Protein backbone atom coordinates (compact mmCIF):
# COMPACT_ATOMS: atom_id res chain seq x y z
CA MET A 1 61.87 55.31 4.81
CA ILE A 2 63.61 57.05 1.89
CA ASN A 3 61.80 56.89 -1.44
CA LEU A 4 64.40 56.80 -4.25
CA ASN A 5 61.79 57.96 -6.75
CA ASN A 6 61.41 61.14 -4.78
CA GLU A 7 63.87 63.95 -5.69
CA THR A 8 63.72 65.45 -2.21
CA ASP A 9 64.81 62.17 -0.69
CA TYR A 10 67.80 62.02 -3.05
CA LYS A 11 68.93 65.43 -1.86
CA LEU A 12 68.57 64.37 1.77
CA LEU A 13 70.72 61.29 1.15
CA ALA A 14 73.46 63.41 -0.44
CA LYS A 15 73.55 65.71 2.57
CA THR A 16 73.83 62.72 4.89
CA LYS A 17 76.82 61.35 2.96
CA LYS A 18 78.55 64.73 3.18
CA PHE A 19 77.99 64.81 6.95
CA TYR A 20 79.48 61.34 7.44
CA ASN A 21 82.44 62.20 5.25
CA PHE A 22 83.03 65.37 7.31
CA PHE A 23 82.74 63.46 10.56
CA ILE A 24 85.20 60.79 9.42
CA SER A 25 87.66 63.46 8.23
CA ILE A 26 87.57 65.29 11.55
CA ASN A 27 88.24 62.08 13.49
CA LEU A 28 91.03 61.15 11.13
CA ILE A 29 92.68 64.55 11.63
CA LEU A 30 92.35 64.25 15.42
CA PHE A 31 93.87 60.75 15.32
CA ILE A 32 96.81 61.96 13.25
CA CYS A 33 97.39 64.90 15.61
CA ILE A 34 97.34 62.65 18.67
CA PHE A 35 99.66 60.18 17.00
CA LEU A 36 102.13 62.90 16.04
CA LYS A 37 102.00 64.40 19.53
CA LEU A 38 102.69 61.05 21.17
CA SER A 39 105.50 60.38 18.73
CA PHE A 40 106.99 63.80 19.49
CA ILE A 41 106.83 63.21 23.24
CA TYR A 42 108.38 59.76 22.84
CA ASN A 43 111.18 61.05 20.65
CA GLU A 44 111.77 64.02 22.98
CA LYS A 45 112.14 61.69 25.95
CA LYS A 46 114.35 59.40 23.94
CA GLU A 47 116.57 62.29 22.85
CA THR A 48 116.67 63.76 26.37
CA LYS A 49 117.58 60.38 27.73
CA GLY A 50 120.40 60.19 25.24
CA ILE A 51 121.69 63.67 26.06
CA PHE A 52 121.06 63.94 29.81
CA SER A 53 122.09 60.68 31.43
CA HIS A 54 122.84 59.71 35.01
CA ASP A 55 119.79 61.70 36.14
CA LYS A 56 119.00 60.04 39.46
CA LYS A 57 115.55 60.62 40.88
CA LEU A 58 116.68 62.28 44.07
CA LYS A 59 114.54 64.33 46.42
CA LEU A 60 115.07 67.95 47.32
CA LEU A 61 116.27 68.66 50.84
CA PRO A 62 114.84 71.56 52.84
CA THR A 63 116.57 74.92 52.62
CA ILE A 64 118.66 76.10 55.58
CA TYR A 65 118.35 79.83 56.32
CA ASP A 66 120.12 82.21 58.66
CA SER A 67 118.11 84.21 61.19
CA VAL A 68 117.07 86.89 58.67
CA GLY A 69 116.24 84.64 55.71
CA ASN A 70 119.49 84.26 53.77
CA ALA A 71 119.80 80.77 52.25
CA ILE A 72 122.86 79.04 53.70
CA ALA A 73 122.23 75.67 52.01
CA TYR A 74 119.71 74.72 49.31
CA SER A 75 119.12 72.06 46.64
CA ASP A 76 119.46 72.80 42.91
CA TYR A 77 120.50 71.11 39.67
CA ASN A 78 123.94 71.09 38.08
CA TYR A 79 124.69 70.17 34.47
CA SER A 80 127.97 68.52 33.53
CA ILE A 81 129.47 67.77 30.11
CA PHE A 82 131.24 64.46 29.49
CA THR A 83 132.42 62.06 26.78
CA ILE A 84 132.25 58.29 26.63
CA ASP A 85 134.47 57.53 23.60
CA GLU A 86 136.96 55.18 25.22
CA LYS A 87 136.21 55.93 28.85
CA PHE A 88 133.96 58.20 30.88
CA ASN A 89 135.57 61.64 31.07
CA TYR A 90 134.20 64.94 32.38
CA LEU A 91 134.83 67.92 30.10
CA LYS A 92 133.17 70.46 32.40
CA ARG A 93 131.36 70.22 35.71
CA ASP A 94 128.64 72.63 36.73
CA ALA A 95 128.23 73.81 33.13
CA THR A 96 126.29 76.98 32.37
CA SER A 97 123.44 77.14 29.84
CA LYS A 98 125.86 78.94 27.50
CA ASP A 99 128.34 76.04 27.74
CA ILE A 100 125.58 73.55 26.91
CA LYS A 101 124.33 75.55 23.90
CA GLU A 102 127.83 75.79 22.48
CA ILE A 103 128.29 72.00 22.70
CA LEU A 104 124.86 71.32 21.19
CA TYR A 105 125.71 73.60 18.26
CA LYS A 106 128.75 71.41 17.48
CA SER A 107 126.49 68.34 17.21
CA ASP A 108 129.16 65.91 18.39
CA PRO A 109 127.35 62.61 19.22
CA SER A 110 130.16 61.51 21.57
CA ILE A 111 129.47 64.40 23.93
CA LYS A 112 126.69 63.96 26.50
CA PHE A 113 125.20 65.93 29.36
CA GLU A 114 124.53 64.97 32.93
CA ARG A 115 121.83 66.49 35.13
CA ILE A 116 122.57 66.08 38.85
CA LEU A 117 120.76 67.31 41.96
CA THR A 118 123.35 69.05 44.13
CA ARG A 119 123.55 70.96 47.40
CA LYS A 120 124.62 74.59 47.16
CA TYR A 121 126.50 76.44 49.92
CA PRO A 122 126.75 80.09 48.81
CA TYR A 123 128.42 81.30 52.03
CA ASP A 124 130.69 78.31 52.63
CA SER A 125 133.84 80.45 52.85
CA ILE A 126 132.60 82.26 55.97
CA ILE A 127 130.67 79.41 57.65
CA SER A 128 133.10 76.56 57.08
CA ASN A 129 132.85 73.54 59.38
CA PHE A 130 129.34 74.42 60.50
CA VAL A 131 126.52 73.22 58.19
CA GLY A 132 127.96 69.83 57.20
CA ARG A 133 127.67 67.98 53.89
CA VAL A 134 125.51 65.59 51.81
CA ASP A 135 126.70 62.51 49.92
CA ILE A 136 126.43 61.72 46.20
CA ASP A 137 122.86 60.50 46.73
CA HIS A 138 121.90 63.87 48.22
CA LYS A 139 121.57 62.49 51.74
CA GLY A 140 122.94 64.42 54.73
CA ILE A 141 125.97 62.77 56.28
CA SER A 142 127.36 65.26 58.81
CA LEU A 143 126.46 68.05 61.26
CA ILE A 144 123.15 69.84 60.55
CA GLU A 145 122.82 68.28 57.09
CA GLY A 146 123.03 64.85 58.71
CA LYS A 147 119.97 65.58 60.85
CA ILE A 148 117.53 66.57 58.08
CA ASN A 149 115.69 64.65 55.35
CA PRO A 150 113.38 65.49 52.38
CA ASN A 151 110.35 65.46 54.69
CA SER A 152 111.81 68.04 57.08
CA GLU A 153 110.57 71.62 57.03
CA ASN A 154 112.87 74.46 56.04
CA ILE A 155 115.32 75.31 58.82
CA HIS A 156 116.03 78.71 60.34
CA LEU A 157 119.28 78.98 62.28
CA SER A 158 120.30 81.57 64.85
CA LEU A 159 123.30 82.73 62.79
CA ASN A 160 123.31 86.27 61.46
CA LEU A 161 125.29 86.25 58.21
CA GLN A 162 125.96 89.98 58.31
CA LEU A 163 127.67 89.65 61.69
CA GLN A 164 129.32 86.41 60.60
CA GLN A 165 130.87 88.09 57.58
CA LYS A 166 132.23 91.06 59.54
CA ILE A 167 133.67 88.86 62.28
CA TYR A 168 135.20 86.54 59.68
CA LYS A 169 136.93 89.45 57.94
CA SER A 170 138.33 90.84 61.21
CA LEU A 171 139.42 87.45 62.58
CA LYS A 172 140.98 86.48 59.25
CA LYS A 173 143.18 89.59 59.31
CA ASP A 174 144.44 88.86 62.83
CA THR A 175 144.89 85.17 62.01
CA LEU A 176 147.24 86.13 59.21
CA GLU A 177 149.11 88.43 61.61
CA LEU A 178 149.43 85.99 64.54
CA ASN A 179 149.69 82.78 62.49
CA PRO A 180 147.97 80.20 64.75
CA ASP A 181 147.12 76.64 63.69
CA PHE A 182 143.49 77.72 63.75
CA SER A 183 141.30 80.36 65.36
CA PHE A 184 137.64 80.81 66.15
CA ASN A 185 135.23 83.32 67.61
CA VAL A 186 131.76 82.57 68.94
CA LEU A 187 129.25 85.35 69.67
CA VAL A 188 126.16 84.65 71.77
CA ASP A 189 123.01 86.68 72.34
CA LEU A 190 122.52 85.97 76.04
CA SER A 191 118.87 87.05 76.24
CA LYS A 192 117.85 84.69 73.42
CA GLU A 193 120.46 82.05 74.29
CA GLN A 194 121.38 81.99 70.60
CA ILE A 195 124.74 81.60 68.87
CA ILE A 196 124.56 84.46 66.38
CA SER A 197 128.03 84.00 64.92
CA ASN A 198 130.41 81.05 64.85
CA VAL A 199 133.53 81.79 62.80
CA PHE A 200 136.26 79.18 62.35
CA ILE A 201 139.45 79.80 60.36
CA ASP A 202 141.67 76.82 59.67
CA ASN A 203 145.22 78.00 59.09
CA GLN A 204 146.87 74.58 58.71
CA SER A 205 148.28 73.04 55.56
CA LYS A 206 146.13 69.96 56.16
CA LEU A 207 142.63 71.29 56.80
CA PHE A 208 140.03 69.76 59.07
CA ASP A 209 137.26 67.77 57.41
CA LYS A 210 133.94 69.63 56.90
CA SER A 211 132.31 67.30 59.43
CA TYR A 212 134.40 68.82 62.24
CA MET A 213 132.79 71.64 64.22
CA PRO A 214 135.26 73.10 66.78
CA LEU A 215 132.39 74.54 68.82
CA LYS A 216 131.46 71.04 69.98
CA ASP A 217 134.01 68.54 68.64
CA SER A 218 137.20 69.56 70.47
CA ALA A 219 138.10 69.68 74.16
CA PHE A 220 140.68 72.16 75.42
CA GLU A 221 142.34 73.10 78.67
CA PHE A 222 141.42 76.78 78.62
CA GLY A 223 143.84 78.02 81.26
CA SER A 224 142.97 80.90 83.57
CA VAL A 225 139.43 81.39 82.29
CA PHE A 226 138.62 78.78 84.98
CA LYS A 227 139.70 81.05 87.85
CA PRO A 228 136.28 82.81 88.07
CA PHE A 229 134.54 79.43 88.64
CA ILE A 230 136.77 78.78 91.65
CA VAL A 231 136.14 82.27 93.05
CA TYR A 232 132.37 81.89 92.44
CA SER A 233 132.28 78.53 94.23
CA ALA A 234 134.31 79.81 97.19
CA ILE A 235 132.03 82.85 97.58
CA LYS A 236 128.88 80.75 97.15
CA ASN A 237 130.02 78.26 99.80
CA LYS A 238 131.01 81.13 102.11
CA LYS A 239 134.66 80.09 102.24
CA ILE A 240 136.14 83.53 101.44
CA THR A 241 135.29 87.21 101.64
CA LEU A 242 136.25 89.92 99.15
CA ASP A 243 138.27 91.74 101.81
CA GLU A 244 140.39 88.69 102.54
CA TYR A 245 144.09 88.67 101.58
CA PHE A 246 146.05 85.74 100.14
CA ASN A 247 149.82 85.66 100.41
CA VAL A 248 150.89 84.93 96.83
CA ASP A 249 154.47 86.00 97.64
CA GLU A 250 155.07 82.78 99.54
CA SER A 251 155.88 79.61 97.60
CA VAL A 252 152.95 77.41 96.68
CA TYR A 253 153.57 73.77 95.80
CA ILE A 254 151.50 71.06 94.16
CA GLY A 255 153.34 68.01 95.42
CA LYS A 256 156.94 68.84 94.64
CA LYS A 257 156.12 71.20 91.78
CA LEU A 258 156.38 74.94 92.47
CA VAL A 259 153.43 76.98 91.21
CA ASN A 260 154.60 80.12 89.42
CA ASP A 261 152.95 83.38 88.52
CA PHE A 262 154.09 84.93 85.27
CA PRO A 263 155.16 87.62 85.10
CA ARG A 264 155.97 88.01 88.78
CA SER A 265 154.83 91.47 89.92
CA SER A 266 153.53 91.07 93.46
CA GLN A 267 155.08 92.72 96.51
CA ILE A 268 152.08 92.46 98.81
CA PRO A 269 149.34 89.85 99.41
CA TYR A 270 146.43 89.95 96.95
CA GLN A 271 142.73 90.36 97.54
CA VAL A 272 140.36 88.32 95.37
CA LYS A 273 139.91 91.09 92.80
CA ASP A 274 143.69 91.34 92.36
CA ILE A 275 144.07 87.57 92.03
CA LEU A 276 141.69 87.76 89.05
CA LYS A 277 143.22 90.94 87.64
CA LYS A 278 146.80 89.67 87.87
CA SER A 279 145.64 86.14 86.98
CA SER A 280 147.62 84.75 89.88
CA ASN A 281 147.94 80.96 89.73
CA ARG A 282 149.13 80.87 93.32
CA GLY A 283 146.16 82.90 94.50
CA ALA A 284 143.73 80.65 92.57
CA VAL A 285 145.24 77.54 94.15
CA LEU A 286 144.96 79.06 97.64
CA ILE A 287 141.29 79.96 97.04
CA GLY A 288 140.62 76.48 95.64
CA ARG A 289 142.10 74.90 98.76
CA THR A 290 139.38 76.52 100.87
CA LEU A 291 136.84 74.27 99.12
CA ASP A 292 136.04 70.61 99.55
CA CYS A 293 137.13 69.52 96.09
CA GLN A 294 135.16 66.28 95.85
CA LYS A 295 131.94 67.77 97.17
CA GLU A 296 131.62 71.56 96.87
CA LEU A 297 133.83 72.22 93.82
CA LYS A 298 132.75 69.13 91.86
CA ARG A 299 129.08 69.91 92.56
CA ASP A 300 129.39 73.53 91.40
CA LEU A 301 131.31 72.62 88.23
CA GLY A 302 128.54 70.11 87.53
CA LEU A 303 125.90 72.82 87.95
CA PHE A 304 127.81 74.91 85.42
CA GLY A 305 127.53 72.03 82.94
CA LEU A 306 131.29 71.47 82.77
CA LEU A 307 131.20 67.77 83.63
CA GLN A 308 128.85 66.45 80.94
CA SER A 309 128.12 66.75 77.23
CA THR A 310 125.54 69.26 75.98
CA ASN A 311 123.21 69.63 73.00
CA ILE A 312 123.71 72.71 70.77
CA GLY A 313 120.54 72.02 68.74
CA PHE A 314 119.43 69.52 66.08
CA GLU A 315 120.58 66.69 68.38
CA LEU A 316 124.22 67.72 67.89
CA TYR A 317 126.09 66.94 71.09
CA SER A 318 129.44 68.22 72.29
CA ILE A 319 132.36 65.94 72.96
CA ASP A 320 132.45 64.51 76.47
CA PRO A 321 134.68 66.54 78.79
CA ILE A 322 137.92 65.00 80.02
CA VAL A 323 137.26 65.08 83.76
CA ASN A 324 139.84 64.50 86.49
CA ASN A 325 139.10 62.43 89.55
CA PHE A 326 138.91 65.42 91.94
CA ARG A 327 141.62 64.08 94.17
CA GLY A 328 145.05 65.29 95.23
CA SER A 329 146.94 67.47 92.79
CA TYR A 330 144.08 67.52 90.26
CA CYS A 331 142.10 69.76 92.58
CA ASP A 332 144.98 72.21 92.71
CA THR A 333 145.40 72.44 88.91
CA ILE A 334 141.75 73.09 88.05
CA PRO A 335 141.83 76.67 89.47
CA TYR A 336 144.22 77.77 86.75
CA GLY A 337 142.83 75.65 83.97
CA TYR A 338 144.57 72.26 83.88
CA GLY A 339 143.22 68.79 84.52
CA LEU A 340 139.79 69.52 83.05
CA SER A 341 139.30 69.75 79.26
CA VAL A 342 135.96 70.94 77.91
CA SER A 343 134.46 71.95 74.58
CA PRO A 344 133.97 75.64 73.71
CA ILE A 345 130.17 75.33 73.99
CA GLN A 346 130.48 73.94 77.54
CA LEU A 347 132.69 76.86 78.56
CA ILE A 348 130.24 79.33 76.97
CA ASN A 349 127.25 77.80 78.79
CA ALA A 350 129.13 77.78 82.10
CA TYR A 351 129.85 81.51 81.82
CA GLY A 352 126.25 82.09 80.69
CA ILE A 353 124.96 80.45 83.86
CA MET A 354 127.44 82.27 86.09
CA ILE A 355 126.94 85.81 84.77
CA THR A 356 123.16 85.83 84.11
CA GLY A 357 122.07 83.90 87.20
CA ARG A 358 119.94 81.61 84.99
CA ASP A 359 120.74 78.03 86.02
CA ASP A 360 119.10 76.61 82.89
CA PHE A 361 121.09 78.74 80.43
CA LYS A 362 121.97 76.82 77.25
CA ALA A 363 123.14 78.46 74.02
CA THR A 364 122.01 76.81 70.77
CA ILE A 365 122.13 77.27 66.99
CA ASN A 366 118.31 77.15 66.73
CA LYS A 367 116.53 80.40 65.99
CA LYS A 368 114.40 81.47 68.96
CA ASN A 369 111.71 84.10 69.29
CA PHE A 370 111.76 84.56 73.06
CA GLN A 371 113.92 86.72 75.27
CA LYS A 372 114.93 86.06 78.87
CA GLU A 373 115.74 88.57 81.56
CA ASN A 374 118.89 88.27 83.65
CA ILE A 375 117.77 87.22 87.11
CA PHE A 376 121.18 87.40 88.84
CA ASN A 377 122.00 86.44 92.39
CA SER A 378 124.42 87.93 94.88
CA ASN A 379 127.25 85.72 93.60
CA SER A 380 126.78 86.57 89.91
CA ILE A 381 126.59 90.30 90.70
CA ILE A 382 129.87 90.08 92.62
CA LEU A 383 131.61 88.09 89.86
CA ASN A 384 130.47 90.49 87.16
CA LYS A 385 131.93 93.43 89.07
CA LEU A 386 135.17 91.54 89.71
CA LEU A 387 135.56 90.56 86.06
CA PHE A 388 134.93 94.11 84.87
CA TYR A 389 137.64 95.31 87.22
CA ALA A 390 139.97 92.44 86.27
CA ASN A 391 139.45 93.22 82.57
CA LYS A 392 140.45 96.88 82.93
CA LEU A 393 141.94 98.17 79.71
CA ASN A 394 143.00 101.49 78.28
CA ASN A 395 140.52 101.15 75.46
CA ASP A 396 137.45 103.24 74.62
CA LEU A 397 135.42 100.10 73.78
CA TYR A 398 136.10 98.70 77.26
CA ASN A 399 134.64 101.82 78.86
CA ASP A 400 131.87 102.49 76.33
CA PHE A 401 130.43 98.97 76.39
CA LEU A 402 131.43 97.96 79.93
CA VAL A 403 133.28 94.84 78.82
CA ALA A 404 134.04 92.23 81.48
CA GLY A 405 136.18 89.21 80.76
CA LYS A 406 139.00 86.82 81.55
CA THR A 407 142.00 85.64 79.56
CA GLY A 408 143.50 82.17 79.66
CA THR A 409 146.84 80.81 78.45
CA ALA A 410 147.48 77.06 78.53
CA ASP A 411 150.90 75.52 77.86
CA LYS A 412 150.66 72.41 75.68
CA THR A 413 153.18 69.79 74.61
CA ILE A 414 152.62 67.36 71.75
CA GLY A 415 155.62 65.14 71.11
CA GLU A 416 158.66 67.40 71.07
CA ASN A 417 156.62 70.52 70.30
CA SER A 418 155.57 72.96 73.04
CA PHE A 419 153.14 75.78 72.37
CA GLN A 420 150.34 77.88 73.89
CA ASN A 421 146.59 77.77 73.49
CA VAL A 422 145.10 81.20 74.20
CA ALA A 423 141.51 82.10 75.03
CA TYR A 424 139.57 85.23 75.92
CA ILE A 425 135.99 85.04 77.12
CA SER A 426 134.26 88.40 77.37
CA TYR A 427 130.77 89.82 77.83
CA PHE A 428 129.07 93.19 77.97
CA PRO A 429 127.69 95.26 79.54
CA TYR A 430 128.88 93.59 82.72
CA ASN A 431 126.07 95.05 84.89
CA ASP A 432 123.35 93.54 82.65
CA PRO A 433 125.05 91.12 80.24
CA LYS A 434 123.60 91.02 76.72
CA TYR A 435 126.37 89.52 74.58
CA LEU A 436 129.10 86.98 75.30
CA SER A 437 132.07 86.15 73.10
CA LEU A 438 134.76 83.46 73.14
CA THR A 439 137.90 84.05 71.08
CA PHE A 440 140.44 81.24 70.81
CA MET A 441 143.69 80.44 68.99
CA GLN A 442 145.76 77.29 69.01
CA ASN A 443 149.50 77.78 68.81
CA PRO A 444 149.87 81.40 67.61
CA LYS A 445 153.43 81.95 66.39
CA ASP A 446 153.35 85.74 66.66
CA LYS A 447 151.94 88.21 69.19
CA TYR A 448 151.09 91.88 69.78
CA GLY A 449 153.12 92.29 72.96
CA PRO A 450 156.29 91.11 74.74
CA PHE A 451 154.91 87.79 76.02
CA MET A 452 153.05 84.93 74.33
CA THR A 453 149.87 85.24 76.39
CA ALA A 454 146.15 85.60 75.73
CA GLY A 455 146.45 89.26 76.69
CA ASN A 456 148.84 89.83 73.79
CA THR A 457 146.96 87.73 71.25
CA VAL A 458 143.23 86.99 71.45
CA LYS A 459 142.28 89.88 73.72
CA PRO A 460 143.22 92.58 71.16
CA VAL A 461 141.72 90.31 68.47
CA PHE A 462 138.34 90.46 70.23
CA PHE A 463 138.43 94.24 70.54
CA ASN A 464 139.21 94.48 66.83
CA ILE A 465 136.10 92.37 66.22
CA LEU A 466 133.97 94.48 68.56
CA ASP A 467 135.12 97.64 66.79
CA ASN A 468 133.76 96.21 63.53
CA ILE A 469 130.39 94.93 64.77
CA TYR A 470 129.09 97.12 67.60
CA MET A 471 126.92 99.13 65.19
CA ASP A 472 125.09 95.90 64.31
CA LEU A 473 124.33 94.95 67.91
CA ASP A 474 121.37 95.85 70.08
CA LEU A 475 123.05 98.00 72.69
CA THR A 476 120.00 99.95 73.81
CA ILE A 477 120.39 98.15 77.13
CA LEU A 478 123.62 99.98 77.95
CA SER A 479 123.42 101.73 81.28
CA LYS A 480 126.01 102.99 83.74
CA LYS A 481 123.78 101.95 86.63
CA GLY A 482 125.50 99.64 89.10
CA THR A 483 128.96 100.06 87.65
CA ASP A 484 130.68 100.72 90.96
CA ILE A 485 133.36 98.27 92.01
């Protein structure tokens, strides 16, 4: 108990009052600070809400990378400037920080800012019609983008942007020279079964939608690139020998229609290798007629994957092939590329199976870390030799890289318009294939030679591409071993 008559107790009481006053002051200061902080935060949010409107709470999508780590598609924010005086009106989309600061400095209350989550495609010009698109709510709606969601992991594709860029530049130059409706080139690493480049150039006034991927979404009659399948099947089923001759000088009819070879250059019967080299339609029909179309040929085309859709990765499936009924005249037209329309990826896989000997070959756009050896068989070895011989060209690249291949020219008529689709499928080195390429143009209006054929259009286009990219390819596997014909 404090004794008020005691001086010491008075001093103690005074000290106690000072302590309480100090304690109350500290708490009051803390309360004021907290209050001001909360007020500041509230006002900041209120101001931000007034300046940055339409900010939807959208989720980031995973980043899509090429095979070496370049971002092909990623999520980021855009800022747009707009007014709402009489009606909503954008002043500038995708505004920079400098643009925003300049507007803020003017202090015009009618001008607002919009913060939007967007999808960026930094390499869209060279990978058009491949990745797909997202909608306004940042949800994938087509192609690869349509198969991913915010919970997906980052994606690594098989594409190599360095190769893609070089092929795009080369193909673009030839597209401008030859003036097709559109052109594309696909390059496949056979050992990894990966599509390492997929260039599409739309040369039409009305462009295809971004959801269209030619690799899987179109079916074409590819012309004479089908001849090797007929030869392979006839050899496999022991219906022909390589020494056998076929009289292509005599008339060959499909019903009442005469089958022509163009240009006509034969004076003697052809062996199989010459039928492929000269791309003789008559010879291909005669070889095809040695097969049972409904059993042997249909079965082998099925094993090549030409009679059903295929998955290129990310559950993206090719268009169904347009398959004939394997009766009558249809059987005679398949050997030179009519009556059976397939997607580019189906044609690529069919050649992959035929030339590597791997029956399960399937090229995809997924990045893979494994490598497969070519296992071959007697039929694939024979075909590879035949297609190297048939592809003979006075070109250093042909000899240096042992390029095998086959051209195909298909006549098309739409309404009153007739034109050619031209294709060239090639691979190298033929004695141990490592890379395969498909080059295609629809309706080229110009050419590099006297006739409108694949040999005067897409074949030189491919060699222009190869000249630009061979330094970027793994060609340590090149060997002259087994190059005899």
